[in-house]
Amino acid sequence: MFRLFGLMLSTLMLFSHIKFLPFTHNFLLLTLNSLQQIYIMDPEVAAFLKRILTTIGIVLFWMGVNSTFGIMLGYAYIEGKLQIGNIVFYVWVVVGTPATIWYLRKLWKEQSDFDVYN
């Protein structure tokens, strides 16, 4: 129980920039400088993670737009006759899908200096 309380207090130290709390356990007494050193990352790794997060964001946006307008609002279904909303939705799908794939391929073809074996 006390260790959990000390862990919560050390988390507060991270977010409130408090450098020392005298009633926490000795192993949890970390200064702000040592906490900042934990989160330093190599630029190559940061660029790789940025590429991954960009890909996830673009794919989720593309899926969200297509499912919202296509399924939830019903523009993917042709009921009775073809309407303007159906045409706009299918033009978006025909243009947006290859554009999304093209951009993601372009994003991942960029060579980085990230060398695993050195």
Protein backbone atom coordinates (compact mmCIF):
# COMPACT_ATOMS: atom_id res chain seq x y z
CA MET A 1 0.00 0.00 0.00
CA PHE A 2 2.78 2.43 0.91
CA ARG A 3 4.76 1.52 -2.20
CA LEU A 4 1.73 2.25 -4.38
CA PHE A 5 1.31 5.58 -2.60
CA GLY A 6 5.01 6.34 -3.18
CA LEU A 7 4.68 5.43 -6.83
CA MET A 8 1.75 7.79 -7.23
CA LEU A 9 3.72 10.56 -5.54
CA SER A 10 6.70 10.00 -7.84
CA THR A 11 4.31 10.30 -10.79
CA LEU A 12 3.17 13.61 -9.36
CA MET A 13 6.81 14.64 -9.22
CA LEU A 14 7.07 14.08 -12.95
CA PHE A 15 4.05 16.15 -13.87
CA SER A 16 4.23 18.93 -11.30
CA HIS A 17 8.01 19.47 -11.54
CA ILE A 18 8.51 18.91 -7.82
CA LYS A 19 12.14 17.98 -7.28
CA PHE A 20 11.93 16.33 -3.84
CA LEU A 21 9.24 14.80 -1.69
CA PRO A 22 10.73 13.82 1.69
CA PHE A 23 8.08 11.24 2.64
CA THR A 24 8.49 8.93 -0.38
CA HIS A 25 10.67 5.83 -0.38
CA ASN A 26 14.37 6.19 -1.12
CA PHE A 27 14.22 4.31 -4.44
CA LEU A 28 11.52 6.68 -5.72
CA LEU A 29 13.38 9.90 -4.96
CA LEU A 30 14.20 11.06 -8.46
CA THR A 31 15.03 14.55 -9.52
CA LEU A 32 13.45 16.15 -12.53
CA ASN A 33 16.72 15.91 -14.45
CA SER A 34 16.94 12.15 -14.08
CA LEU A 35 13.31 11.79 -15.16
CA GLN A 36 14.01 13.85 -18.26
CA GLN A 37 16.92 11.62 -19.17
CA ILE A 38 14.63 8.60 -19.26
CA TYR A 39 12.57 10.12 -22.08
CA ILE A 40 15.44 11.17 -24.35
CA MET A 41 15.26 9.26 -27.62
CA ASP A 42 17.54 8.87 -30.62
CA PRO A 43 16.47 10.99 -33.60
CA GLU A 44 16.34 7.94 -35.87
CA VAL A 45 14.04 6.08 -33.52
CA ALA A 46 11.88 9.17 -33.07
CA ALA A 47 11.56 9.55 -36.87
CA PHE A 48 10.62 5.87 -37.20
CA LEU A 49 7.97 6.14 -34.48
CA LYS A 50 6.65 9.33 -36.07
CA ARG A 51 6.30 7.44 -39.35
CA ILE A 52 4.41 4.65 -37.61
CA LEU A 53 2.07 7.07 -35.82
CA THR A 54 1.47 9.02 -39.03
CA THR A 55 0.52 5.80 -40.82
CA ILE A 56 -1.85 4.77 -38.03
CA GLY A 57 -3.45 8.22 -37.99
CA ILE A 58 -3.97 8.38 -41.74
CA VAL A 59 -5.44 4.88 -41.93
CA LEU A 60 -7.79 5.53 -38.99
CA PHE A 61 -8.92 8.83 -40.54
CA TRP A 62 -9.51 7.15 -43.92
CA MET A 63 -11.46 4.30 -42.31
CA GLY A 64 -13.44 6.69 -40.13
CA VAL A 65 -14.49 8.91 -43.03
CA ASN A 66 -15.44 5.96 -45.22
CA SER A 67 -17.40 4.14 -42.54
CA THR A 68 -19.14 7.29 -41.29
CA PHE A 69 -20.31 8.54 -44.64
CA GLY A 70 -20.69 5.15 -46.29
CA ILE A 71 -22.29 2.97 -43.66
CA MET A 72 -23.62 5.27 -40.92
CA LEU A 73 -25.05 7.95 -43.20
CA GLY A 74 -26.01 5.40 -45.85
CA TYR A 75 -24.25 6.84 -48.89
CA ALA A 76 -22.69 3.46 -49.74
CA TYR A 77 -26.14 1.96 -50.30
CA ILE A 78 -28.14 2.81 -53.40
CA GLU A 79 -31.79 2.78 -52.40
CA GLY A 80 -34.22 3.16 -55.26
CA LYS A 81 -32.26 5.55 -57.46
CA LEU A 82 -28.75 6.95 -57.58
CA GLN A 83 -28.41 10.21 -55.66
CA ILE A 84 -25.78 12.94 -55.51
CA GLY A 85 -24.56 11.72 -52.08
CA ASN A 86 -23.90 8.26 -53.50
CA ILE A 87 -21.94 9.69 -56.41
CA VAL A 88 -19.82 11.94 -54.15
CA PHE A 89 -19.13 9.04 -51.79
CA TYR A 90 -18.02 6.67 -54.55
CA VAL A 91 -15.88 9.37 -56.19
CA TRP A 92 -14.25 9.88 -52.77
CA VAL A 93 -13.61 6.14 -52.45
CA VAL A 94 -12.21 5.83 -55.99
CA VAL A 95 -9.92 8.87 -55.57
CA GLY A 96 -9.17 8.66 -51.84
CA THR A 97 -8.14 5.02 -51.61
CA PRO A 98 -5.36 5.15 -54.24
CA ALA A 99 -4.26 8.56 -52.92
CA THR A 100 -3.98 7.17 -49.40
CA ILE A 101 -2.06 4.11 -50.60
CA TRP A 102 0.23 6.31 -52.72
CA TYR A 103 1.03 8.63 -49.82
CA LEU A 104 1.72 5.74 -47.43
CA ARG A 105 4.01 4.06 -49.96
CA LYS A 106 5.82 7.36 -50.48
CA LEU A 107 6.12 7.81 -46.72
CA TRP A 108 7.65 4.37 -46.20
CA LYS A 109 9.96 4.47 -49.25
CA GLU A 110 11.95 7.34 -47.75
CA GLN A 111 15.32 5.98 -46.76
CA SER A 112 16.41 6.61 -43.23
CA ASP A 113 19.83 6.24 -41.70
CA PHE A 114 18.51 3.82 -39.12
CA ASP A 115 20.94 0.90 -39.18
CA VAL A 116 20.04 -2.03 -36.95
CA TYR A 117 23.34 -3.85 -37.16
CA ASN A 118 25.73 -1.03 -36.21
